[in-house]
Amino acid sequence: MLTGWEVGYWTTDQHVKDVGIWIDNWSYSVGPTGGTLHYRLSSTLRDEDGTPYNYEHHKITILGIRSLSPAVRQSP
């Protein structure tokens, strides 16, 4: 989950036209002691002249749900 982000300009007095950040692609591969999550973020921050330099910071939170024991089936 993308749980926090910050986008901004290094300069002042911009007239923002487009702004956004999103998880563009992700994959998970299972390993012997867990797994590896790979993700790619994309962002946009445009103003009316398109020239100022901008920055972005993000925070990703991993939410995992795993069974602690095998399911037990009850007999009727």
PDB file of N, CA and C in Angstrom:
ATOM      1  N   MET A   1       0.839  -1.170   0.000  1.00  0.00           N
ATOM      2  CA  MET A   1       0.000   0.000   0.000  1.00  0.00           C
ATOM      3  C   MET A   1       0.887   1.236   0.000  1.00  0.00           C
ATOM      4  N   LEU A   2       0.563   2.163  -0.795  1.00  0.00           N
ATOM      5  CA  LEU A   2       1.229   3.465  -0.795  1.00  0.00           C
ATOM      6  C   LEU A   2       0.569   4.282   0.306  1.00  0.00           C
ATOM      7  N   THR A   3       1.258   4.471   1.439  1.00  0.00           N
ATOM      8  CA  THR A   3       0.627   5.080   2.610  1.00  0.00           C
ATOM      9  C   THR A   3       1.092   6.501   2.889  1.00  0.00           C
ATOM     10  N   GLY A   4       2.073   6.968   2.180  1.00  0.00           N
ATOM     11  CA  GLY A   4       2.524   8.332   2.376  1.00  0.00           C
ATOM     12  C   GLY A   4       3.349   8.789   1.197  1.00  0.00           C
ATOM     13  N   TRP A   5       3.224  10.036   0.857  1.00  0.00           N
ATOM     14  CA  TRP A   5       4.026  10.579  -0.228  1.00  0.00           C
ATOM     15  C   TRP A   5       4.129  12.089  -0.085  1.00  0.00           C
ATOM     16  N   GLU A   6       5.148  12.615  -0.733  1.00  0.00           N
ATOM     17  CA  GLU A   6       5.355  14.060  -0.793  1.00  0.00           C
ATOM     18  C   GLU A   6       5.943  14.376  -2.148  1.00  0.00           C
ATOM     19  N   VAL A   7       5.350  15.292  -2.842  1.00  0.00           N
ATOM     20  CA  VAL A   7       5.895  15.787  -4.104  1.00  0.00           C
ATOM     21  C   VAL A   7       5.959  17.299  -4.000  1.00  0.00           C
ATOM     22  N   GLY A   8       6.971  17.878  -4.593  1.00  0.00           N
ATOM     23  CA  GLY A   8       7.106  19.324  -4.515  1.00  0.00           C
ATOM     24  C   GLY A   8       8.163  19.846  -5.459  1.00  0.00           C
ATOM     25  N   TYR A   9       8.242  21.140  -5.534  1.00  0.00           N
ATOM     26  CA  TYR A   9       9.218  21.823  -6.377  1.00  0.00           C
ATOM     27  C   TYR A   9      10.375  22.340  -5.526  1.00  0.00           C
ATOM     28  N   TRP A  10      11.555  22.402  -6.113  1.00  0.00           N
ATOM     29  CA  TRP A  10      12.715  22.995  -5.452  1.00  0.00           C
ATOM     30  C   TRP A  10      12.661  24.518  -5.514  1.00  0.00           C
ATOM     31  N   THR A  11      11.804  25.045  -6.348  1.00  0.00           N
ATOM     32  CA  THR A  11      11.644  26.501  -6.469  1.00  0.00           C
ATOM     33  C   THR A  11      10.261  26.893  -5.971  1.00  0.00           C
ATOM     34  N   THR A  12       9.964  28.174  -5.936  1.00  0.00           N
ATOM     35  CA  THR A  12       8.680  28.635  -5.406  1.00  0.00           C
ATOM     36  C   THR A  12       7.780  29.166  -6.513  1.00  0.00           C
ATOM     37  N   ASP A  13       6.548  29.470  -6.142  1.00  0.00           N
ATOM     38  CA  ASP A  13       5.560  30.112  -7.002  1.00  0.00           C
ATOM     39  C   ASP A  13       5.327  29.354  -8.306  1.00  0.00           C
ATOM     40  N   GLN A  14       4.849  28.115  -8.177  1.00  0.00           N
ATOM     41  CA  GLN A  14       4.523  27.305  -9.347  1.00  0.00           C
ATOM     42  C   GLN A  14       3.008  27.236  -9.504  1.00  0.00           C
ATOM     43  N   HIS A  15       2.578  27.069 -10.719  1.00  0.00           N
ATOM     44  CA  HIS A  15       1.158  26.938 -11.026  1.00  0.00           C
ATOM     45  C   HIS A  15       0.913  25.491 -11.466  1.00  0.00           C
ATOM     46  N   VAL A  16       0.597  24.630 -10.499  1.00  0.00           N
ATOM     47  CA  VAL A  16       0.487  23.185 -10.729  1.00  0.00           C
ATOM     48  C   VAL A  16      -0.702  22.877 -11.624  1.00  0.00           C
ATOM     49  N   LYS A  17      -0.440  22.033 -12.637  1.00  0.00           N
ATOM     50  CA  LYS A  17      -1.488  21.573 -13.536  1.00  0.00           C
ATOM     51  C   LYS A  17      -1.832  20.116 -13.284  1.00  0.00           C
ATOM     52  N   ASP A  18      -0.834  19.258 -13.043  1.00  0.00           N
ATOM     53  CA  ASP A  18      -1.032  17.825 -12.813  1.00  0.00           C
ATOM     54  C   ASP A  18      -0.171  17.388 -11.635  1.00  0.00           C
ATOM     55  N   VAL A  19      -0.741  16.547 -10.764  1.00  0.00           N
ATOM     56  CA  VAL A  19       0.016  15.989  -9.652  1.00  0.00           C
ATOM     57  C   VAL A  19      -0.528  14.594  -9.352  1.00  0.00           C
ATOM     58  N   GLY A  20       0.370  13.669  -9.029  1.00  0.00           N
ATOM     59  CA  GLY A  20      -0.057  12.319  -8.659  1.00  0.00           C
ATOM     60  C   GLY A  20       1.128  11.399  -8.430  1.00  0.00           C
ATOM     61  N   ILE A  21       0.894  10.325  -7.695  1.00  0.00           N
ATOM     62  CA  ILE A  21       1.888   9.276  -7.479  1.00  0.00           C
ATOM     63  C   ILE A  21       1.134   7.960  -7.324  1.00  0.00           C
ATOM     64  N   TRP A  22       1.694   6.874  -7.864  1.00  0.00           N
ATOM     65  CA  TRP A  22       1.003   5.598  -7.835  1.00  0.00           C
ATOM     66  C   TRP A  22       1.995   4.454  -7.934  1.00  0.00           C
ATOM     67  N   ILE A  23       1.554   3.262  -7.486  1.00  0.00           N
ATOM     68  CA  ILE A  23       2.346   2.041  -7.664  1.00  0.00           C
ATOM     69  C   ILE A  23       2.066   1.571  -9.080  1.00  0.00           C
ATOM     70  N   ASP A  24       3.096   1.613  -9.895  1.00  0.00           N
ATOM     71  CA  ASP A  24       2.957   1.324 -11.317  1.00  0.00           C
ATOM     72  C   ASP A  24       2.982  -0.178 -11.596  1.00  0.00           C
ATOM     73  N   ASN A  25       3.811  -0.905 -10.862  1.00  0.00           N
ATOM     74  CA  ASN A  25       3.972  -2.334 -11.100  1.00  0.00           C
ATOM     75  C   ASN A  25       4.516  -2.971  -9.838  1.00  0.00           C
ATOM     76  N   TRP A  26       4.146  -4.205  -9.554  1.00  0.00           N
ATOM     77  CA  TRP A  26       4.720  -4.907  -8.416  1.00  0.00           C
ATOM     78  C   TRP A  26       4.706  -6.407  -8.669  1.00  0.00           C
ATOM     79  N   SER A  27       5.612  -7.110  -7.977  1.00  0.00           N
ATOM     80  CA  SER A  27       5.669  -8.569  -8.050  1.00  0.00           C
ATOM     81  C   SER A  27       6.234  -9.093  -6.732  1.00  0.00           C
ATOM     82  N   TYR A  28       5.912 -10.332  -6.418  1.00  0.00           N
ATOM     83  CA  TYR A  28       6.377 -10.972  -5.196  1.00  0.00           C
ATOM     84  C   TYR A  28       6.872 -12.357  -5.555  1.00  0.00           C
ATOM     85  N   SER A  29       8.071 -12.689  -5.095  1.00  0.00           N
ATOM     86  CA  SER A  29       8.603 -14.031  -5.331  1.00  0.00           C
ATOM     87  C   SER A  29       8.890 -14.679  -3.985  1.00  0.00           C
ATOM     88  N   VAL A  30       8.431 -15.923  -3.832  1.00  0.00           N
ATOM     89  CA  VAL A  30       8.588 -16.669  -2.588  1.00  0.00           C
ATOM     90  C   VAL A  30       9.998 -17.237  -2.523  1.00  0.00           C
ATOM     91  N   GLY A  31      10.622 -17.115  -1.359  1.00  0.00           N
ATOM     92  CA  GLY A  31      11.949 -17.661  -1.129  1.00  0.00           C
ATOM     93  C   GLY A  31      11.914 -18.668   0.007  1.00  0.00           C
ATOM     94  N   PRO A  32      13.045 -19.286   0.320  1.00  0.00           N
ATOM     95  CA  PRO A  32      13.080 -20.318   1.360  1.00  0.00           C
ATOM     96  C   PRO A  32      12.778 -19.789   2.767  1.00  0.00           C
ATOM     97  N   THR A  33      13.048 -18.532   3.033  1.00  0.00           N
ATOM     98  CA  THR A  33      12.803 -17.982   4.372  1.00  0.00           C
ATOM     99  C   THR A  33      11.827 -16.807   4.348  1.00  0.00           C
ATOM    100  N   GLY A  34      11.070 -16.675   3.310  1.00  0.00           N
ATOM    101  CA  GLY A  34      10.127 -15.554   3.188  1.00  0.00           C
ATOM    102  C   GLY A  34       9.896 -15.247   1.732  1.00  0.00           C
ATOM    103  N   GLY A  35      10.145 -14.018   1.359  1.00  0.00           N
ATOM    104  CA  GLY A  35       9.954 -13.636  -0.031  1.00  0.00           C
ATOM    105  C   GLY A  35      10.527 -12.261  -0.301  1.00  0.00           C
ATOM    106  N   THR A  36      10.446 -11.863  -1.565  1.00  0.00           N
ATOM    107  CA  THR A  36      10.958 -10.565  -1.988  1.00  0.00           C
ATOM    108  C   THR A  36       9.871  -9.835  -2.758  1.00  0.00           C
ATOM    109  N   LEU A  37       9.634  -8.604  -2.350  1.00  0.00           N
ATOM    110  CA  LEU A  37       8.665  -7.753  -3.025  1.00  0.00           C
ATOM    111  C   LEU A  37       9.422  -6.721  -3.848  1.00  0.00           C
ATOM    112  N   HIS A  38       9.089  -6.636  -5.118  1.00  0.00           N
ATOM    113  CA  HIS A  38       9.651  -5.621  -6.006  1.00  0.00           C
ATOM    114  C   HIS A  38       8.496  -4.712  -6.420  1.00  0.00           C
ATOM    115  N   TYR A  39       8.728  -3.398  -6.416  1.00  0.00           N
ATOM    116  CA  TYR A  39       7.698  -2.480  -6.859  1.00  0.00           C
ATOM    117  C   TYR A  39       8.331  -1.298  -7.585  1.00  0.00           C
ATOM    118  N   ARG A  40       7.528  -0.682  -8.428  1.00  0.00           N
ATOM    119  CA  ARG A  40       7.969   0.508  -9.147  1.00  0.00           C
ATOM    120  C   ARG A  40       6.909   1.591  -8.965  1.00  0.00           C
ATOM    121  N   LEU A  41       7.357   2.754  -8.550  1.00  0.00           N
ATOM    122  CA  LEU A  41       6.463   3.896  -8.398  1.00  0.00           C
ATOM    123  C   LEU A  41       6.599   4.822  -9.590  1.00  0.00           C
ATOM    124  N   SER A  42       5.525   5.475  -9.905  1.00  0.00           N
ATOM    125  CA  SER A  42       5.537   6.537 -10.908  1.00  0.00           C
ATOM    126  C   SER A  42       4.908   7.769 -10.284  1.00  0.00           C
ATOM    127  N   SER A  43       5.351   8.927 -10.717  1.00  0.00           N
ATOM    128  CA  SER A  43       4.767  10.159 -10.200  1.00  0.00           C
ATOM    129  C   SER A  43       4.770  11.211 -11.293  1.00  0.00           C
ATOM    130  N   THR A  44       3.915  12.194 -11.113  1.00  0.00           N
ATOM    131  CA  THR A  44       3.878  13.325 -12.022  1.00  0.00           C
ATOM    132  C   THR A  44       3.647  14.595 -11.222  1.00  0.00           C
ATOM    133  N   LEU A  45       4.322  15.644 -11.602  1.00  0.00           N
ATOM    134  CA  LEU A  45       4.121  16.970 -11.038  1.00  0.00           C
ATOM    135  C   LEU A  45       4.495  17.959 -12.135  1.00  0.00           C
ATOM    136  N   ARG A  46       3.493  18.551 -12.742  1.00  0.00           N
ATOM    137  CA  ARG A  46       3.718  19.461 -13.863  1.00  0.00           C
ATOM    138  C   ARG A  46       3.103  20.814 -13.578  1.00  0.00           C
ATOM    139  N   ASP A  47       3.806  21.831 -14.032  1.00  0.00           N
ATOM    140  CA  ASP A  47       3.236  23.177 -13.951  1.00  0.00           C
ATOM    141  C   ASP A  47       3.017  23.689 -15.365  1.00  0.00           C
ATOM    142  N   GLU A  48       2.658  24.936 -15.495  1.00  0.00           N
ATOM    143  CA  GLU A  48       2.295  25.446 -16.827  1.00  0.00           C
ATOM    144  C   GLU A  48       3.473  25.595 -17.779  1.00  0.00           C
ATOM    145  N   ASP A  49       4.724  25.745 -17.263  1.00  0.00           N
ATOM    146  CA  ASP A  49       5.851  25.843 -18.202  1.00  0.00           C
ATOM    147  C   ASP A  49       6.682  24.561 -18.278  1.00  0.00           C
ATOM    148  N   GLY A  50       6.506  23.624 -17.329  1.00  0.00           N
ATOM    149  CA  GLY A  50       7.149  22.317 -17.407  1.00  0.00           C
ATOM    150  C   GLY A  50       8.638  22.288 -17.142  1.00  0.00           C
ATOM    151  N   THR A  51       9.246  23.382 -16.659  1.00  0.00           N
ATOM    152  CA  THR A  51      10.700  23.374 -16.503  1.00  0.00           C
ATOM    153  C   THR A  51      11.237  23.207 -15.089  1.00  0.00           C
ATOM    154  N   PRO A  52      10.555  23.561 -14.002  1.00  0.00           N
ATOM    155  CA  PRO A  52      11.214  23.480 -12.692  1.00  0.00           C
ATOM    156  C   PRO A  52      11.516  22.043 -12.276  1.00  0.00           C
ATOM    157  N   TYR A  53      12.585  21.887 -11.511  1.00  0.00           N
ATOM    158  CA  TYR A  53      12.933  20.572 -10.980  1.00  0.00           C
ATOM    159  C   TYR A  53      12.032  20.254  -9.799  1.00  0.00           C
ATOM    160  N   ASN A  54      11.629  18.991  -9.708  1.00  0.00           N
ATOM    161  CA  ASN A  54      10.785  18.601  -8.585  1.00  0.00           C
ATOM    162  C   ASN A  54      11.369  17.373  -7.891  1.00  0.00           C
ATOM    163  N   TYR A  55      10.779  17.015  -6.778  1.00  0.00           N
ATOM    164  CA  TYR A  55      11.222  15.857  -5.996  1.00  0.00           C
ATOM    165  C   TYR A  55       9.995  15.069  -5.549  1.00  0.00           C
ATOM    166  N   GLU A  56      10.245  13.824  -5.141  1.00  0.00           N
ATOM    167  CA  GLU A  56       9.195  13.012  -4.547  1.00  0.00           C
ATOM    168  C   GLU A  56       9.811  12.088  -3.517  1.00  0.00           C
ATOM    169  N   HIS A  57       9.082  11.888  -2.432  1.00  0.00           N
ATOM    170  CA  HIS A  57       9.428  10.930  -1.382  1.00  0.00           C
ATOM    171  C   HIS A  57       8.195  10.068  -1.168  1.00  0.00           C
ATOM    172  N   HIS A  58       8.406   8.825  -0.752  1.00  0.00           N
ATOM    173  CA  HIS A  58       7.253   7.960  -0.565  1.00  0.00           C
ATOM    174  C   HIS A  58       7.452   7.043   0.639  1.00  0.00           C
ATOM    175  N   LYS A  59       6.347   6.449   1.067  1.00  0.00           N
ATOM    176  CA  LYS A  59       6.354   5.445   2.123  1.00  0.00           C
ATOM    177  C   LYS A  59       5.451   4.313   1.669  1.00  0.00           C
ATOM    178  N   ILE A  60       5.983   3.118   1.704  1.00  0.00           N
ATOM    179  CA  ILE A  60       5.230   1.918   1.359  1.00  0.00           C
ATOM    180  C   ILE A  60       5.051   1.107   2.637  1.00  0.00           C
ATOM    181  N   THR A  61       3.838   0.615   2.885  1.00  0.00           N
ATOM    182  CA  THR A  61       3.561  -0.245   4.026  1.00  0.00           C
ATOM    183  C   THR A  61       3.125  -1.596   3.488  1.00  0.00           C
ATOM    184  N   ILE A  62       3.734  -2.648   4.003  1.00  0.00           N
ATOM    185  CA  ILE A  62       3.412  -4.007   3.563  1.00  0.00           C
ATOM    186  C   ILE A  62       2.418  -4.606   4.545  1.00  0.00           C
ATOM    187  N   LEU A  63       1.300  -5.055   4.045  1.00  0.00           N
ATOM    188  CA  LEU A  63       0.295  -5.727   4.842  1.00  0.00           C
ATOM    189  C   LEU A  63       0.246  -7.171   4.376  1.00  0.00           C
ATOM    190  N   GLY A  64       0.570  -8.097   5.276  1.00  0.00           N
ATOM    191  CA  GLY A  64       0.560  -9.507   4.919  1.00  0.00           C
ATOM    192  C   GLY A  64      -0.330 -10.288   5.866  1.00  0.00           C
ATOM    193  N   ILE A  65      -1.085 -11.188   5.321  1.00  0.00           N
ATOM    194  CA  ILE A  65      -1.939 -12.057   6.120  1.00  0.00           C
ATOM    195  C   ILE A  65      -1.523 -13.484   5.804  1.00  0.00           C
ATOM    196  N   ARG A  66      -1.131 -14.205   6.857  1.00  0.00           N
ATOM    197  CA  ARG A  66      -0.640 -15.559   6.656  1.00  0.00           C
ATOM    198  C   ARG A  66      -1.256 -16.454   7.716  1.00  0.00           C
ATOM    199  N   SER A  67      -1.637 -17.631   7.338  1.00  0.00           N
ATOM    200  CA  SER A  67      -2.176 -18.605   8.273  1.00  0.00           C
ATOM    201  C   SER A  67      -1.061 -19.088   9.193  1.00  0.00           C
ATOM    202  N   LEU A  68      -1.330 -19.155  10.484  1.00  0.00           N
ATOM    203  CA  LEU A  68      -0.337 -19.627  11.433  1.00  0.00           C
ATOM    204  C   LEU A  68      -0.355 -21.139  11.587  1.00  0.00           C
ATOM    205  N   SER A  69      -1.459 -21.764  11.251  1.00  0.00           N
ATOM    206  CA  SER A  69      -1.551 -23.229  11.308  1.00  0.00           C
ATOM    207  C   SER A  69      -2.472 -23.697  10.191  1.00  0.00           C
ATOM    208  N   PRO A  70      -2.352 -24.971   9.811  1.00  0.00           N
ATOM    209  CA  PRO A  70      -3.230 -25.462   8.752  1.00  0.00           C
ATOM    210  C   PRO A  70      -4.692 -25.441   9.211  1.00  0.00           C
ATOM    211  N   ALA A  71      -5.563 -25.236   8.278  1.00  0.00           N
ATOM    212  CA  ALA A  71      -6.991 -25.241   8.598  1.00  0.00           C
ATOM    213  C   ALA A  71      -7.416 -26.631   9.039  1.00  0.00           C
ATOM    214  N   VAL A  72      -8.263 -26.691  10.050  1.00  0.00           N
ATOM    215  CA  VAL A  72      -8.774 -27.972  10.558  1.00  0.00           C
ATOM    216  C   VAL A  72     -10.221 -28.106  10.125  1.00  0.00           C
ATOM    217  N   ARG A  73     -10.507 -29.205   9.480  1.00  0.00           N
ATOM    218  CA  ARG A  73     -11.874 -29.442   9.003  1.00  0.00           C
ATOM    219  C   ARG A  73     -12.634 -30.231  10.066  1.00  0.00           C
ATOM    220  N   GLN A  74     -13.778 -29.717  10.446  1.00  0.00           N
ATOM    221  CA  GLN A  74     -14.618 -30.358  11.444  1.00  0.00           C
ATOM    222  C   GLN A  74     -15.522 -31.395  10.766  1.00  0.00           C
ATOM    223  N   SER A  75     -15.681 -32.549  11.386  1.00  0.00           N
ATOM    224  CA  SER A  75     -16.605 -33.564  10.882  1.00  0.00           C
ATOM    225  C   SER A  75     -18.012 -33.209  11.325  1.00  0.00           C
ATOM    226  N   PRO A  76     -19.029 -33.487  10.470  1.00  0.00           N
ATOM    227  CA  PRO A  76     -20.416 -33.190  10.891  1.00  0.00           C
ATOM    228  C   PRO A  76     -20.912 -34.155  11.937  1.00  0.00           C
TER     229      PRO A  76
END
